[in-house]
Amino acid sequence: GIELDRHYVYKYCSPSRSALQSGRNPYHVNPLNAEPDILNPADPMSGFAGIPRNMTGIATKLASAGYRTHMVGKWDAGMATPDHTPRGRGYQSSLLYFHHCNDYWSM
């Protein structure tokens, strides 16, 4: 395995998850914990909440090296377009929930 001893987190979950997926500092990937419908129509690449579409993620790199990729858990790294979802980010399969307002308990 690989020890990730230099991964820095942000104060919200979306930027930290986006940083782990992209290998970049949270501030340069997704500094906001924004709602998924926030967008800037003038910027089709990075004008959405989530990882910019032109950034390559870890799953895409692993899949290109022959690994099978599967994502389990809370995604919250973009879902504005199909390119922002786990499938669009290179994951071949997933068992997850979107967004940052979910929990495992019910009343």
Protein backbone atom coordinates (compact mmCIF):
# COMPACT_ATOMS: atom_id res chain seq x y z
CA GLY A 1 0.00 0.00 0.00
CA ILE A 2 0.85 3.66 -0.14
CA GLU A 3 1.12 5.85 2.94
CA LEU A 4 -0.43 9.28 2.36
CA ASP A 5 1.55 11.33 4.87
CA ARG A 6 1.32 14.73 3.15
CA HIS A 7 -2.38 15.08 2.44
CA TYR A 8 -3.82 18.26 3.89
CA VAL A 9 -7.53 18.64 4.54
CA TYR A 10 -9.87 21.59 4.31
CA LYS A 11 -12.48 22.69 6.83
CA TYR A 12 -15.36 21.23 4.75
CA CYS A 13 -15.77 17.75 3.31
CA SER A 14 -16.17 18.55 -0.43
CA PRO A 15 -12.80 20.27 -0.87
CA SER A 16 -10.99 17.49 1.02
CA ARG A 17 -12.68 14.75 -1.01
CA SER A 18 -11.97 16.61 -4.25
CA ALA A 19 -8.32 17.01 -3.25
CA LEU A 20 -7.95 13.30 -2.49
CA GLN A 21 -9.52 12.39 -5.85
CA SER A 22 -7.39 14.84 -7.86
CA GLY A 23 -4.12 14.84 -5.94
CA ARG A 24 -4.15 18.63 -5.63
CA ASN A 25 -4.46 21.12 -2.80
CA PRO A 26 -8.14 21.65 -1.86
CA TYR A 27 -7.87 25.37 -2.53
CA HIS A 28 -6.92 24.70 -6.17
CA VAL A 29 -9.64 22.13 -6.82
CA ASN A 30 -12.90 22.86 -5.02
CA PRO A 31 -12.59 25.47 -2.26
CA LEU A 32 -16.34 25.74 -1.66
CA ASN A 33 -18.75 23.33 -0.07
CA ALA A 34 -21.39 24.59 -2.51
CA GLU A 35 -24.74 23.18 -3.49
CA PRO A 36 -24.57 21.09 -6.68
CA ASP A 37 -26.72 23.49 -8.68
CA ILE A 38 -24.21 26.36 -8.33
CA LEU A 39 -22.61 27.06 -11.71
CA ASN A 40 -20.97 29.70 -13.84
CA PRO A 41 -22.28 29.29 -17.42
CA ALA A 42 -19.35 31.34 -18.74
CA ASP A 43 -16.90 28.61 -17.61
CA PRO A 44 -17.84 25.15 -18.98
CA MET A 45 -14.74 23.46 -17.49
CA SER A 46 -14.52 24.61 -13.89
CA GLY A 47 -17.68 26.65 -13.44
CA PHE A 48 -19.44 23.89 -11.51
CA ALA A 49 -19.39 22.81 -7.87
CA GLY A 50 -16.90 19.94 -7.78
CA ILE A 51 -13.68 18.92 -9.46
CA PRO A 52 -13.15 20.78 -12.75
CA ARG A 53 -13.87 18.57 -15.74
CA ASN A 54 -10.41 19.03 -17.23
CA MET A 55 -8.62 17.57 -14.15
CA THR A 56 -7.66 13.91 -14.24
CA GLY A 57 -8.51 11.97 -11.09
CA ILE A 58 -6.95 9.02 -9.36
CA ALA A 59 -9.51 6.50 -10.67
CA THR A 60 -8.82 7.46 -14.29
CA LYS A 61 -5.08 7.03 -13.73
CA LEU A 62 -5.52 3.67 -11.98
CA ALA A 63 -7.91 2.39 -14.66
CA SER A 64 -5.45 3.36 -17.40
CA ALA A 65 -2.82 1.29 -15.58
CA GLY A 66 -5.11 -1.76 -15.65
CA TYR A 67 -6.65 -1.55 -12.18
CA ARG A 68 -10.37 -2.05 -11.55
CA THR A 69 -11.82 0.96 -9.78
CA HIS A 70 -14.72 1.01 -7.32
CA MET A 71 -15.92 3.86 -5.11
CA VAL A 72 -17.76 3.22 -1.83
CA GLY A 73 -19.22 5.85 0.51
CA LYS A 74 -20.02 9.53 0.30
CA TRP A 75 -19.02 11.10 -3.03
CA ASP A 76 -19.58 14.86 -2.56
CA ALA A 77 -16.90 15.75 -5.13
CA GLY A 78 -19.27 16.95 -7.85
CA MET A 79 -22.48 15.81 -9.51
CA ALA A 80 -23.50 18.74 -11.72
CA THR A 81 -22.97 16.80 -14.96
CA PRO A 82 -22.29 13.13 -15.80
CA ASP A 83 -18.58 14.07 -16.08
CA HIS A 84 -18.58 15.01 -12.39
CA THR A 85 -19.97 11.71 -11.11
CA PRO A 86 -17.84 8.71 -10.13
CA ARG A 87 -18.45 7.08 -13.54
CA GLY A 88 -17.31 10.27 -15.25
CA ARG A 89 -14.24 10.35 -13.01
CA GLY A 90 -13.07 6.88 -14.01
CA TYR A 91 -14.75 4.61 -11.47
CA GLN A 92 -16.08 1.47 -13.11
CA SER A 93 -18.58 0.80 -10.34
CA SER A 94 -19.73 2.44 -7.14
CA LEU A 95 -21.94 2.09 -4.08
CA LEU A 96 -22.43 5.61 -2.80
CA TYR A 97 -24.64 8.50 -1.97
CA PHE A 98 -24.32 12.01 -3.33
CA HIS A 99 -24.27 15.30 -1.48
CA HIS A 100 -23.28 16.31 2.02
CA CYS A 101 -26.58 16.14 3.91
CA ASN A 102 -26.96 12.38 4.41
CA ASP A 103 -26.53 10.16 7.42
CA TYR A 104 -27.00 6.50 8.28
CA TRP A 105 -29.72 7.00 10.87
CA SER A 106 -33.46 7.53 10.65
CA MET A 107 -35.90 8.95 13.19
